Structures are given as C-alpha cells and as structure tokens.
Amino acid sequence: MLTPQSQVDAGCFNCVGRPITKASESIASGLGVGIEQTAHGPFFWHWGDNGDFKAFVAASAGSRRGVVIFTNSSNGMMIIPDIAAHALGDTQPAFNWVHYERYDSPRMQLQQAILDKGIDEALKNYSASQPIEEGSMNMLGYQLLARKKFKEAYPKSANAWDSLAEAYMIAGKSWPSSITGNRWISIPRIPTPPTC
C-alpha cells in the first residue's frame, strides 16, 4: 500500500489512459493512496472532492505524523494546504499536482476587491497585477452572479459575455445599450457542424 506502484504525469492529475509525458519526481501512486516525497521523507496522502465537501489526509509512517482535514465548503481545498503545512511542518507536493486554487489566488483577490471597493476601483488595481486565466475569470463571473452583482460579472471574453447575457436573462433584465454603446459585439462565427 505504501510502496509506489506506478508513476504519475508531473503536469496532469487526471490522465487515465494517456501516456505519461514527464514523470513526477515527487508524486507516485500507491495502492489506494498517493505517495509523495517531501523534504522530511515520504508521506502517503489522499483527497476527496464532493462539490461542497472537501477532505485531505496525509501521514508519514516513518515520523508517525499525520493530519486529517474535512471541510464543508466548496472553497475548503483553498485553505487545506496551509492547514496541512502547519500541522505537518512541511509543504505537501500533492497540492501542486492536483492544482486546486488557493484562497489568495489572483481571482480570489480580485473577487474580494470587487466586493470591498467596487468594480471600477478593483479593475484599476487588477490591470497592474497578474493575469487571470479565462476559466477562473468565468468562475468569478458566476460567483458574482450568485451574489447578484450583475454589472460586475463581465470581463472581455466570448465565454464571459455569454455568461453576462445569462446573468441579464436570470435577472429578468434587457441587454443595456450602455454596455456596448449601440453597436454590435463582434463574435467569431461558429461553423455549422456537418450532418451525418
């Protein structure tokens, strides 16, 4: 169980059936658990993600140290790396491999700035900071939508504009001309799929 059984791809945590492009130097699969190499020796670990419930366990057979963390929040995994590092006295390579967003990520900082200072002030500071990936930006839009922050929920991407239109539809409002001036938004034409 606690012996590495197979290597994993360093850049992909969900690559079943695909060849490994670059094997991880610090992560491997055991029998039912992950095996990671830390500065203080090997640890075994496992995580769970059921939407609003997140969990993580890590332990070292050699040092007899371990931690079990359960959260009841969809954002729970954002804080688990810091809790585990504090409890175990070491960072866990598993968190870099599974790619969960941290509570202090650029997206979360922008979201907090929008809620605290308003969209205009938050965007002034954002333009000088680290860029946010489109998927994360779209997620931010949906989170603002859930908080009924309709005018704040649109950056400049086709996916985000689609989400903005959905926000207006859910809010029961018409598309305001103030967003686009009275001009059309240029969206690339999507080709019609061939019929079978």
N, C-alpha and C. Protein backbone atom coordinates (compact mmCIF):
# COMPACT_ATOMS: atom_id res chain seq x y z
N MET A 1 0.82 -1.19 0.00
CA MET A 1 0.00 0.00 0.00
C MET A 1 0.87 1.26 0.00
N LEU A 2 1.92 1.29 0.80
CA LEU A 2 2.74 2.48 0.94
C LEU A 2 4.00 2.45 0.09
N THR A 3 4.01 1.57 -0.88
CA THR A 3 5.12 1.49 -1.83
C THR A 3 4.63 2.01 -3.17
N PRO A 4 5.39 2.89 -3.82
CA PRO A 4 4.95 3.37 -5.13
C PRO A 4 4.71 2.21 -6.10
N GLN A 5 3.53 2.22 -6.72
CA GLN A 5 3.15 1.17 -7.66
C GLN A 5 3.25 1.63 -9.11
N SER A 6 3.02 2.94 -9.32
CA SER A 6 3.12 3.48 -10.68
C SER A 6 3.44 4.96 -10.62
N GLN A 7 4.12 5.42 -11.64
CA GLN A 7 4.45 6.83 -11.72
C GLN A 7 3.24 7.60 -12.23
N VAL A 8 3.24 8.91 -11.97
CA VAL A 8 2.18 9.77 -12.47
C VAL A 8 2.81 10.89 -13.30
N ASP A 9 2.01 11.46 -14.17
CA ASP A 9 2.46 12.57 -15.01
C ASP A 9 2.61 13.81 -14.15
N ALA A 10 3.74 14.48 -14.26
CA ALA A 10 4.01 15.66 -13.44
C ALA A 10 3.02 16.79 -13.68
N GLY A 11 2.47 16.89 -14.88
CA GLY A 11 1.60 18.01 -15.20
C GLY A 11 0.14 17.67 -15.33
N CYS A 12 -0.27 16.46 -14.97
CA CYS A 12 -1.66 16.07 -15.20
C CYS A 12 -2.12 15.09 -14.13
N PHE A 13 -3.11 15.52 -13.32
CA PHE A 13 -3.55 14.65 -12.24
C PHE A 13 -4.72 13.76 -12.64
N ASN A 14 -5.31 13.98 -13.80
CA ASN A 14 -6.44 13.16 -14.23
C ASN A 14 -6.21 12.71 -15.67
N CYS A 15 -5.20 11.88 -15.86
CA CYS A 15 -4.78 11.49 -17.21
C CYS A 15 -4.90 9.99 -17.42
N VAL A 16 -6.00 9.42 -17.01
CA VAL A 16 -6.18 7.98 -17.14
C VAL A 16 -6.20 7.61 -18.62
N GLY A 17 -5.43 6.62 -18.98
CA GLY A 17 -5.41 6.13 -20.35
C GLY A 17 -4.50 6.90 -21.29
N ARG A 18 -3.81 7.92 -20.80
CA ARG A 18 -2.87 8.67 -21.63
C ARG A 18 -1.46 8.35 -21.20
N PRO A 19 -0.53 8.34 -22.14
CA PRO A 19 0.86 8.06 -21.76
C PRO A 19 1.43 9.21 -20.92
N ILE A 20 2.34 8.88 -20.03
CA ILE A 20 2.99 9.89 -19.19
C ILE A 20 3.99 10.65 -20.05
N THR A 21 3.87 11.98 -20.07
CA THR A 21 4.81 12.78 -20.85
C THR A 21 6.06 13.11 -20.04
N LYS A 22 5.87 13.40 -18.76
CA LYS A 22 7.01 13.64 -17.87
C LYS A 22 6.63 13.12 -16.49
N ALA A 23 7.35 12.12 -16.02
CA ALA A 23 7.04 11.51 -14.73
C ALA A 23 7.36 12.48 -13.59
N SER A 24 6.48 12.53 -12.61
CA SER A 24 6.71 13.36 -11.44
C SER A 24 7.87 12.81 -10.63
N GLU A 25 8.70 13.70 -10.11
CA GLU A 25 9.81 13.27 -9.26
C GLU A 25 9.39 13.15 -7.80
N SER A 26 8.23 13.72 -7.45
CA SER A 26 7.83 13.72 -6.04
C SER A 26 6.51 13.02 -5.76
N ILE A 27 5.76 12.65 -6.80
CA ILE A 27 4.44 12.03 -6.61
C ILE A 27 4.40 10.69 -7.34
N ALA A 28 3.80 9.69 -6.70
CA ALA A 28 3.56 8.39 -7.33
C ALA A 28 2.24 7.84 -6.78
N SER A 29 1.76 6.78 -7.40
CA SER A 29 0.55 6.12 -6.92
C SER A 29 0.92 4.88 -6.15
N GLY A 30 0.32 4.75 -4.97
CA GLY A 30 0.44 3.51 -4.19
C GLY A 30 -0.82 2.70 -4.43
N LEU A 31 -1.18 1.84 -3.49
CA LEU A 31 -2.42 1.07 -3.59
C LEU A 31 -3.51 1.83 -2.83
N GLY A 32 -4.27 2.65 -3.55
CA GLY A 32 -5.36 3.41 -2.94
C GLY A 32 -4.95 4.75 -2.36
N VAL A 33 -3.68 5.04 -2.33
CA VAL A 33 -3.20 6.32 -1.81
C VAL A 33 -2.10 6.86 -2.72
N GLY A 34 -1.89 8.16 -2.64
CA GLY A 34 -0.75 8.74 -3.33
C GLY A 34 0.46 8.67 -2.42
N ILE A 35 1.62 8.61 -3.02
CA ILE A 35 2.88 8.63 -2.27
C ILE A 35 3.62 9.88 -2.72
N GLU A 36 4.07 10.69 -1.77
CA GLU A 36 4.80 11.90 -2.11
C GLU A 36 6.11 11.96 -1.34
N GLN A 37 7.09 12.54 -1.98
CA GLN A 37 8.40 12.72 -1.36
C GLN A 37 8.51 14.17 -0.91
N THR A 38 8.65 14.39 0.40
CA THR A 38 8.80 15.74 0.95
C THR A 38 10.24 15.91 1.45
N ALA A 39 10.54 17.10 1.93
CA ALA A 39 11.87 17.37 2.48
C ALA A 39 12.14 16.51 3.72
N HIS A 40 11.07 16.06 4.39
CA HIS A 40 11.22 15.24 5.59
C HIS A 40 10.93 13.76 5.35
N GLY A 41 10.97 13.34 4.09
CA GLY A 41 10.76 11.93 3.80
C GLY A 41 9.42 11.66 3.13
N PRO A 42 9.11 10.37 2.91
CA PRO A 42 7.89 10.02 2.19
C PRO A 42 6.63 10.17 3.07
N PHE A 43 5.55 10.61 2.43
CA PHE A 43 4.23 10.68 3.05
C PHE A 43 3.26 9.96 2.13
N PHE A 44 2.20 9.41 2.70
CA PHE A 44 1.10 8.92 1.88
C PHE A 44 -0.05 9.91 2.05
N TRP A 45 -0.87 10.03 1.04
CA TRP A 45 -1.93 11.04 1.06
C TRP A 45 -3.12 10.61 0.21
N HIS A 46 -4.24 11.26 0.44
CA HIS A 46 -5.45 11.05 -0.35
C HIS A 46 -6.32 12.28 -0.18
N TRP A 47 -7.10 12.60 -1.21
CA TRP A 47 -8.01 13.73 -1.08
C TRP A 47 -9.38 13.34 -1.62
N GLY A 48 -10.39 14.07 -1.18
CA GLY A 48 -11.75 13.84 -1.64
C GLY A 48 -12.40 15.17 -2.01
N ASP A 49 -13.24 15.14 -3.03
CA ASP A 49 -13.92 16.34 -3.51
C ASP A 49 -15.33 15.97 -3.94
N ASN A 50 -16.30 16.31 -3.11
CA ASN A 50 -17.71 16.08 -3.43
C ASN A 50 -18.42 17.42 -3.50
N GLY A 51 -17.94 18.32 -4.34
CA GLY A 51 -18.59 19.62 -4.50
C GLY A 51 -18.40 20.50 -3.29
N ASP A 52 -19.38 20.53 -2.41
CA ASP A 52 -19.32 21.39 -1.22
C ASP A 52 -18.57 20.74 -0.05
N PHE A 53 -18.08 19.54 -0.22
CA PHE A 53 -17.35 18.86 0.84
C PHE A 53 -15.98 18.45 0.31
N LYS A 54 -14.93 18.85 1.02
CA LYS A 54 -13.55 18.54 0.61
C LYS A 54 -12.85 17.86 1.78
N ALA A 55 -11.90 16.99 1.47
CA ALA A 55 -11.16 16.29 2.52
C ALA A 55 -9.73 16.04 2.05
N PHE A 56 -8.84 15.92 3.01
CA PHE A 56 -7.45 15.61 2.71
C PHE A 56 -6.87 14.86 3.90
N VAL A 57 -6.07 13.85 3.62
CA VAL A 57 -5.34 13.12 4.66
C VAL A 57 -3.91 12.94 4.17
N ALA A 58 -2.97 13.12 5.07
CA ALA A 58 -1.55 12.87 4.77
C ALA A 58 -0.90 12.37 6.04
N ALA A 59 0.03 11.43 5.90
CA ALA A 59 0.72 10.91 7.07
C ALA A 59 2.06 10.32 6.64
N SER A 60 2.95 10.24 7.62
CA SER A 60 4.26 9.64 7.41
C SER A 60 4.39 8.46 8.36
N ALA A 61 4.60 7.28 7.79
CA ALA A 61 4.79 6.09 8.63
C ALA A 61 6.09 6.21 9.42
N GLY A 62 7.11 6.82 8.81
CA GLY A 62 8.41 6.95 9.47
C GLY A 62 8.38 7.89 10.67
N SER A 63 7.79 9.07 10.51
CA SER A 63 7.76 10.03 11.62
C SER A 63 6.52 9.89 12.49
N ARG A 64 5.56 9.09 12.04
CA ARG A 64 4.31 8.87 12.76
C ARG A 64 3.54 10.18 12.95
N ARG A 65 3.65 11.06 11.96
CA ARG A 65 2.89 12.31 11.96
C ARG A 65 1.83 12.21 10.87
N GLY A 66 0.70 12.85 11.13
CA GLY A 66 -0.35 12.85 10.12
C GLY A 66 -1.39 13.92 10.40
N VAL A 67 -2.23 14.14 9.41
CA VAL A 67 -3.32 15.09 9.55
C VAL A 67 -4.49 14.61 8.70
N VAL A 68 -5.70 14.81 9.23
CA VAL A 68 -6.94 14.53 8.51
C VAL A 68 -7.75 15.82 8.57
N ILE A 69 -8.18 16.31 7.41
CA ILE A 69 -8.90 17.58 7.35
C ILE A 69 -10.19 17.36 6.56
N PHE A 70 -11.31 17.79 7.12
CA PHE A 70 -12.61 17.78 6.45
C PHE A 70 -13.14 19.20 6.41
N THR A 71 -13.70 19.61 5.28
CA THR A 71 -14.34 20.92 5.20
C THR A 71 -15.73 20.74 4.59
N ASN A 72 -16.62 21.64 4.93
CA ASN A 72 -17.96 21.61 4.35
C ASN A 72 -18.19 22.87 3.52
N SER A 73 -17.27 23.14 2.62
CA SER A 73 -17.33 24.32 1.77
C SER A 73 -16.73 23.98 0.41
N SER A 74 -17.33 24.52 -0.64
CA SER A 74 -16.75 24.31 -1.96
C SER A 74 -15.38 24.98 -2.06
N ASN A 75 -15.09 25.91 -1.16
CA ASN A 75 -13.78 26.57 -1.12
C ASN A 75 -12.83 25.93 -0.13
N GLY A 76 -13.20 24.82 0.46
CA GLY A 76 -12.40 24.20 1.51
C GLY A 76 -10.99 23.85 1.11
N MET A 77 -10.81 23.39 -0.14
CA MET A 77 -9.48 22.98 -0.56
C MET A 77 -8.54 24.18 -0.70
N MET A 78 -9.10 25.39 -0.72
CA MET A 78 -8.27 26.59 -0.84
C MET A 78 -7.40 26.80 0.40
N ILE A 79 -7.87 26.36 1.56
CA ILE A 79 -7.12 26.59 2.80
C ILE A 79 -6.41 25.34 3.32
N ILE A 80 -6.78 24.18 2.79
CA ILE A 80 -6.21 22.93 3.29
C ILE A 80 -4.69 22.87 3.17
N PRO A 81 -4.06 23.35 2.08
CA PRO A 81 -2.59 23.28 2.03
C PRO A 81 -1.91 23.98 3.20
N ASP A 82 -2.43 25.14 3.62
CA ASP A 82 -1.82 25.85 4.74
C ASP A 82 -2.04 25.13 6.06
N ILE A 83 -3.23 24.55 6.23
CA ILE A 83 -3.51 23.79 7.46
C ILE A 83 -2.58 22.58 7.54
N ALA A 84 -2.45 21.85 6.41
CA ALA A 84 -1.59 20.66 6.39
C ALA A 84 -0.13 21.04 6.64
N ALA A 85 0.34 22.13 6.03
CA ALA A 85 1.74 22.55 6.22
C ALA A 85 1.98 22.92 7.68
N HIS A 86 1.02 23.58 8.30
CA HIS A 86 1.18 23.95 9.71
C HIS A 86 1.18 22.70 10.61
N ALA A 87 0.27 21.78 10.33
CA ALA A 87 0.16 20.57 11.16
C ALA A 87 1.35 19.63 10.98
N LEU A 88 1.88 19.54 9.76
CA LEU A 88 2.94 18.58 9.47
C LEU A 88 4.33 19.20 9.46
N GLY A 89 4.40 20.54 9.50
CA GLY A 89 5.70 21.20 9.47
C GLY A 89 6.40 21.10 8.13
N ASP A 90 5.63 20.87 7.06
CA ASP A 90 6.22 20.67 5.74
C ASP A 90 5.15 20.91 4.68
N THR A 91 5.55 21.45 3.52
CA THR A 91 4.60 21.58 2.42
C THR A 91 4.41 20.22 1.77
N GLN A 92 3.25 20.02 1.21
CA GLN A 92 2.91 18.74 0.59
C GLN A 92 2.90 18.90 -0.93
N PRO A 93 3.79 18.20 -1.65
CA PRO A 93 3.83 18.30 -3.12
C PRO A 93 2.51 17.94 -3.79
N ALA A 94 1.68 17.17 -3.13
CA ALA A 94 0.40 16.76 -3.70
C ALA A 94 -0.44 17.96 -4.12
N PHE A 95 -0.38 19.04 -3.38
CA PHE A 95 -1.22 20.20 -3.69
C PHE A 95 -0.80 20.87 -5.00
N ASN A 96 0.49 20.88 -5.30
CA ASN A 96 0.93 21.42 -6.59
C ASN A 96 0.48 20.53 -7.73
N TRP A 97 0.36 19.27 -7.48
CA TRP A 97 -0.01 18.32 -8.52
C TRP A 97 -1.51 18.36 -8.83
N VAL A 98 -2.37 18.46 -7.79
CA VAL A 98 -3.82 18.44 -8.03
C VAL A 98 -4.36 19.79 -8.47
N HIS A 99 -3.57 20.84 -8.38
CA HIS A 99 -3.92 22.16 -8.92
C HIS A 99 -5.20 22.77 -8.37
N TYR A 100 -5.42 22.72 -7.08
CA TYR A 100 -6.55 23.45 -6.51
C TYR A 100 -6.17 24.90 -6.32
N GLU A 101 -7.11 25.76 -6.55
CA GLU A 101 -6.87 27.19 -6.38
C GLU A 101 -6.74 27.53 -4.90
N ARG A 102 -5.84 28.46 -4.59
CA ARG A 102 -5.63 28.89 -3.21
C ARG A 102 -6.53 30.08 -2.88
N TYR A 103 -6.77 30.28 -1.59
CA TYR A 103 -7.60 31.39 -1.12
C TYR A 103 -7.01 32.75 -1.47
N ASP A 104 -5.71 32.82 -1.70
CA ASP A 104 -5.05 34.09 -2.02
C ASP A 104 -4.67 34.18 -3.50
N SER A 105 -5.36 33.41 -4.35
CA SER A 105 -5.08 33.43 -5.78
C SER A 105 -5.47 34.79 -6.37
N PRO A 106 -4.96 35.12 -7.55
CA PRO A 106 -5.34 36.39 -8.19
C PRO A 106 -6.86 36.54 -8.35
N ARG A 107 -7.56 35.45 -8.71
CA ARG A 107 -9.01 35.52 -8.86
C ARG A 107 -9.70 35.85 -7.55
N MET A 108 -9.27 35.19 -6.49
CA MET A 108 -9.90 35.44 -5.18
C MET A 108 -9.59 36.85 -4.69
N GLN A 109 -8.37 37.35 -4.97
CA GLN A 109 -8.04 38.72 -4.59
C GLN A 109 -8.89 39.72 -5.36
N LEU A 110 -9.10 39.47 -6.65
CA LEU A 110 -9.94 40.35 -7.44
C LEU A 110 -11.38 40.30 -6.96
N GLN A 111 -11.89 39.12 -6.68
CA GLN A 111 -13.26 39.00 -6.18
C GLN A 111 -13.43 39.80 -4.89
N GLN A 112 -12.49 39.66 -3.97
CA GLN A 112 -12.59 40.39 -2.70
C GLN A 112 -12.51 41.90 -2.93
N ALA A 113 -11.64 42.32 -3.85
CA ALA A 113 -11.53 43.75 -4.16
C ALA A 113 -12.83 44.29 -4.76
N ILE A 114 -13.46 43.51 -5.63
CA ILE A 114 -14.74 43.93 -6.22
C ILE A 114 -15.79 44.09 -5.13
N LEU A 115 -15.86 43.13 -4.22
CA LEU A 115 -16.85 43.19 -3.15
C LEU A 115 -16.56 44.32 -2.17
N ASP A 116 -15.27 44.58 -1.89
CA ASP A 116 -14.91 45.61 -0.91
C ASP A 116 -14.91 47.03 -1.49
N LYS A 117 -14.40 47.18 -2.73
CA LYS A 117 -14.15 48.53 -3.28
C LYS A 117 -15.01 48.88 -4.48
N GLY A 118 -15.71 47.91 -5.05
CA GLY A 118 -16.48 48.15 -6.27
C GLY A 118 -15.67 47.78 -7.49
N ILE A 119 -16.37 47.60 -8.60
CA ILE A 119 -15.74 47.09 -9.81
C ILE A 119 -14.71 48.05 -10.39
N ASP A 120 -15.02 49.36 -10.41
CA ASP A 120 -14.09 50.31 -11.05
C ASP A 120 -12.75 50.37 -10.33
N GLU A 121 -12.77 50.49 -9.03
CA GLU A 121 -11.52 50.55 -8.25
C GLU A 121 -10.77 49.22 -8.33
N ALA A 122 -11.51 48.11 -8.25
CA ALA A 122 -10.87 46.79 -8.31
C ALA A 122 -10.17 46.57 -9.65
N LEU A 123 -10.81 47.01 -10.75
CA LEU A 123 -10.21 46.82 -12.07
C LEU A 123 -8.99 47.71 -12.29
N LYS A 124 -8.94 48.87 -11.66
CA LYS A 124 -7.74 49.71 -11.75
C LYS A 124 -6.54 48.95 -11.18
N ASN A 125 -6.73 48.34 -10.03
CA ASN A 125 -5.64 47.59 -9.40
C ASN A 125 -5.36 46.29 -10.15
N TYR A 126 -6.40 45.66 -10.70
CA TYR A 126 -6.23 44.39 -11.42
C TYR A 126 -5.38 44.57 -12.67
N SER A 127 -5.57 45.68 -13.40
CA SER A 127 -4.85 45.84 -14.66
C SER A 127 -3.34 45.84 -14.46
N ALA A 128 -2.89 46.15 -13.25
CA ALA A 128 -1.45 46.16 -12.99
C ALA A 128 -0.98 44.87 -12.32
N SER A 129 -1.87 43.92 -12.13
CA SER A 129 -1.48 42.70 -11.41
C SER A 129 -1.38 41.50 -12.36
N GLN A 130 -1.23 40.34 -11.77
CA GLN A 130 -1.06 39.09 -12.51
C GLN A 130 -2.34 38.73 -13.28
N PRO A 131 -2.24 38.33 -14.56
CA PRO A 131 -3.43 37.98 -15.33
C PRO A 131 -4.13 36.74 -14.77
N ILE A 132 -5.43 36.67 -14.98
CA ILE A 132 -6.24 35.56 -14.51
C ILE A 132 -6.68 34.75 -15.74
N GLU A 133 -6.57 33.44 -15.66
CA GLU A 133 -6.96 32.57 -16.77
C GLU A 133 -8.45 32.73 -17.05
N GLU A 134 -8.84 32.47 -18.30
CA GLU A 134 -10.23 32.66 -18.70
C GLU A 134 -11.21 31.83 -17.87
N GLY A 135 -10.87 30.57 -17.61
CA GLY A 135 -11.77 29.72 -16.82
C GLY A 135 -11.99 30.27 -15.42
N SER A 136 -10.91 30.76 -14.81
CA SER A 136 -11.02 31.35 -13.47
C SER A 136 -11.82 32.65 -13.51
N MET A 137 -11.62 33.43 -14.57
CA MET A 137 -12.37 34.68 -14.71
C MET A 137 -13.85 34.39 -14.90
N ASN A 138 -14.16 33.35 -15.68
CA ASN A 138 -15.56 32.97 -15.88
C ASN A 138 -16.18 32.51 -14.56
N MET A 139 -15.39 31.75 -13.77
CA MET A 139 -15.87 31.31 -12.47
C MET A 139 -16.17 32.51 -11.57
N LEU A 140 -15.30 33.52 -11.62
CA LEU A 140 -15.52 34.74 -10.86
C LEU A 140 -16.83 35.38 -11.28
N GLY A 141 -17.09 35.43 -12.59
CA GLY A 141 -18.35 35.99 -13.07
C GLY A 141 -19.55 35.26 -12.50
N TYR A 142 -19.50 33.93 -12.48
CA TYR A 142 -20.62 33.16 -11.92
C TYR A 142 -20.76 33.39 -10.41
N GLN A 143 -19.64 33.54 -9.71
CA GLN A 143 -19.73 33.81 -8.28
C GLN A 143 -20.33 35.18 -8.02
N LEU A 144 -19.97 36.17 -8.84
CA LEU A 144 -20.58 37.50 -8.70
C LEU A 144 -22.06 37.44 -9.06
N LEU A 145 -22.39 36.66 -10.07
CA LEU A 145 -23.79 36.46 -10.44
C LEU A 145 -24.59 35.88 -9.27
N ALA A 146 -24.02 34.88 -8.60
CA ALA A 146 -24.70 34.27 -7.45
C ALA A 146 -24.93 35.28 -6.33
N ARG A 147 -24.08 36.30 -6.24
CA ARG A 147 -24.23 37.34 -5.23
C ARG A 147 -25.07 38.51 -5.74
N LYS A 148 -25.67 38.32 -6.93
CA LYS A 148 -26.49 39.35 -7.57
C LYS A 148 -25.71 40.62 -7.89
N LYS A 149 -24.43 40.46 -8.20
CA LYS A 149 -23.57 41.57 -8.64
C LYS A 149 -23.52 41.51 -10.17
N PHE A 150 -24.65 41.83 -10.80
CA PHE A 150 -24.81 41.62 -12.24
C PHE A 150 -23.86 42.48 -13.08
N LYS A 151 -23.73 43.76 -12.77
CA LYS A 151 -22.90 44.62 -13.64
C LYS A 151 -21.41 44.31 -13.49
N GLU A 152 -21.00 43.66 -12.39
CA GLU A 152 -19.60 43.36 -12.16
C GLU A 152 -19.15 42.08 -12.85
N ALA A 153 -20.08 41.31 -13.39
CA ALA A 153 -19.78 39.95 -13.81
C ALA A 153 -19.36 39.79 -15.26
N TYR A 154 -18.69 40.76 -15.88
CA TYR A 154 -18.30 40.57 -17.28
C TYR A 154 -16.93 41.12 -17.65
N PRO A 155 -15.91 40.28 -17.86
CA PRO A 155 -14.66 40.70 -18.48
C PRO A 155 -14.76 40.55 -20.00
N LYS A 156 -13.64 40.66 -20.71
CA LYS A 156 -13.66 40.66 -22.18
C LYS A 156 -13.30 39.30 -22.76
N SER A 157 -14.24 38.38 -22.76
CA SER A 157 -14.05 37.12 -23.46
C SER A 157 -15.42 36.64 -23.91
N ALA A 158 -15.47 35.88 -24.99
CA ALA A 158 -16.75 35.41 -25.51
C ALA A 158 -17.49 34.60 -24.45
N ASN A 159 -16.78 33.75 -23.73
CA ASN A 159 -17.40 32.93 -22.70
C ASN A 159 -17.99 33.80 -21.61
N ALA A 160 -17.25 34.84 -21.21
CA ALA A 160 -17.74 35.72 -20.16
C ALA A 160 -18.92 36.57 -20.65
N TRP A 161 -18.89 37.01 -21.93
CA TRP A 161 -20.03 37.77 -22.47
C TRP A 161 -21.27 36.89 -22.50
N ASP A 162 -21.09 35.62 -22.84
CA ASP A 162 -22.21 34.68 -22.81
C ASP A 162 -22.77 34.56 -21.40
N SER A 163 -21.87 34.50 -20.42
CA SER A 163 -22.30 34.42 -19.03
C SER A 163 -23.00 35.70 -18.59
N LEU A 164 -22.53 36.86 -19.09
CA LEU A 164 -23.18 38.12 -18.77
C LEU A 164 -24.60 38.13 -19.33
N ALA A 165 -24.77 37.68 -20.57
CA ALA A 165 -26.10 37.62 -21.15
C ALA A 165 -27.01 36.72 -20.31
N GLU A 166 -26.45 35.61 -19.84
CA GLU A 166 -27.21 34.71 -18.97
C GLU A 166 -27.59 35.40 -17.67
N ALA A 167 -26.69 36.22 -17.14
CA ALA A 167 -26.97 36.96 -15.91
C ALA A 167 -28.14 37.91 -16.10
N TYR A 168 -28.16 38.64 -17.23
CA TYR A 168 -29.28 39.54 -17.51
C TYR A 168 -30.57 38.76 -17.67
N MET A 169 -30.51 37.61 -18.33
CA MET A 169 -31.70 36.79 -18.52
C MET A 169 -32.24 36.32 -17.16
N ILE A 170 -31.36 35.81 -16.29
CA ILE A 170 -31.78 35.33 -14.97
C ILE A 170 -32.35 36.47 -14.14
N ALA A 171 -31.76 37.67 -14.28
CA ALA A 171 -32.23 38.83 -13.53
C ALA A 171 -33.51 39.40 -14.12
N GLY A 172 -33.93 38.90 -15.30
CA GLY A 172 -35.14 39.39 -15.94
C GLY A 172 -34.98 40.78 -16.53
N LYS A 173 -33.77 41.11 -16.95
CA LYS A 173 -33.49 42.45 -17.47
C LYS A 173 -33.12 42.38 -18.94
N SER A 174 -33.35 43.49 -19.64
CA SER A 174 -32.96 43.60 -21.05
C SER A 174 -31.48 43.91 -21.13
N TRP A 175 -30.89 43.59 -22.28
CA TRP A 175 -29.48 43.89 -22.52
C TRP A 175 -29.32 45.40 -22.62
N PRO A 176 -28.54 46.04 -21.73
CA PRO A 176 -28.42 47.50 -21.76
C PRO A 176 -27.48 47.99 -22.86
N SER A 177 -27.90 49.02 -23.57
CA SER A 177 -27.06 49.57 -24.63
C SER A 177 -25.83 50.26 -24.05
N SER A 178 -25.86 50.60 -22.76
CA SER A 178 -24.70 51.26 -22.15
C SER A 178 -23.47 50.35 -22.12
N ILE A 179 -23.67 49.04 -22.19
CA ILE A 179 -22.53 48.12 -22.16
C ILE A 179 -21.77 48.17 -23.48
N THR A 180 -22.49 48.22 -24.59
CA THR A 180 -21.82 48.17 -25.89
C THR A 180 -21.93 49.48 -26.67
N GLY A 181 -22.54 50.48 -26.09
CA GLY A 181 -22.76 51.71 -26.83
C GLY A 181 -23.90 51.42 -27.78
N ASN A 182 -24.34 51.51 -28.75
CA ASN A 182 -25.40 50.94 -29.56
C ASN A 182 -24.78 50.18 -30.71
N ARG A 183 -23.70 49.51 -30.50
CA ARG A 183 -23.04 48.79 -31.57
C ARG A 183 -23.05 47.29 -31.26
N TRP A 184 -22.87 46.53 -32.31
CA TRP A 184 -22.85 45.08 -32.16
C TRP A 184 -21.51 44.64 -31.60
N ILE A 185 -21.54 43.58 -30.82
CA ILE A 185 -20.30 42.97 -30.36
C ILE A 185 -19.86 42.00 -31.45
N SER A 186 -18.60 42.06 -31.83
CA SER A 186 -18.10 41.17 -32.87
C SER A 186 -17.70 39.85 -32.25
N ILE A 187 -18.46 38.81 -32.55
CA ILE A 187 -18.18 37.47 -32.04
C ILE A 187 -17.90 36.59 -33.25
N PRO A 188 -16.80 35.83 -33.24
CA PRO A 188 -16.49 34.98 -34.39
C PRO A 188 -17.63 34.02 -34.70
N ARG A 189 -17.90 33.81 -35.98
CA ARG A 189 -18.94 32.90 -36.40
C ARG A 189 -18.49 31.47 -36.13
N ILE A 190 -19.37 30.69 -35.54
CA ILE A 190 -19.07 29.29 -35.27
C ILE A 190 -19.59 28.48 -36.46
N PRO A 191 -18.74 27.67 -37.09
CA PRO A 191 -19.21 26.92 -38.25
C PRO A 191 -20.30 25.93 -37.89
N THR A 192 -21.22 25.71 -38.82
CA THR A 192 -22.29 24.73 -38.61
C THR A 192 -21.67 23.35 -38.70
N PRO A 193 -21.96 22.49 -37.72
CA PRO A 193 -21.38 21.13 -37.77
C PRO A 193 -21.97 20.34 -38.93
N PRO A 194 -21.18 19.46 -39.53
CA PRO A 194 -21.68 18.66 -40.65
C PRO A 194 -22.76 17.69 -40.17
N THR A 195 -23.71 17.40 -41.05
CA THR A 195 -24.74 16.42 -40.71
C THR A 195 -24.25 15.02 -41.06
N CYS A 196 -24.69 14.06 -40.30
CA CYS A 196 -24.27 12.67 -40.55
C CYS A 196 -25.18 11.98 -41.51
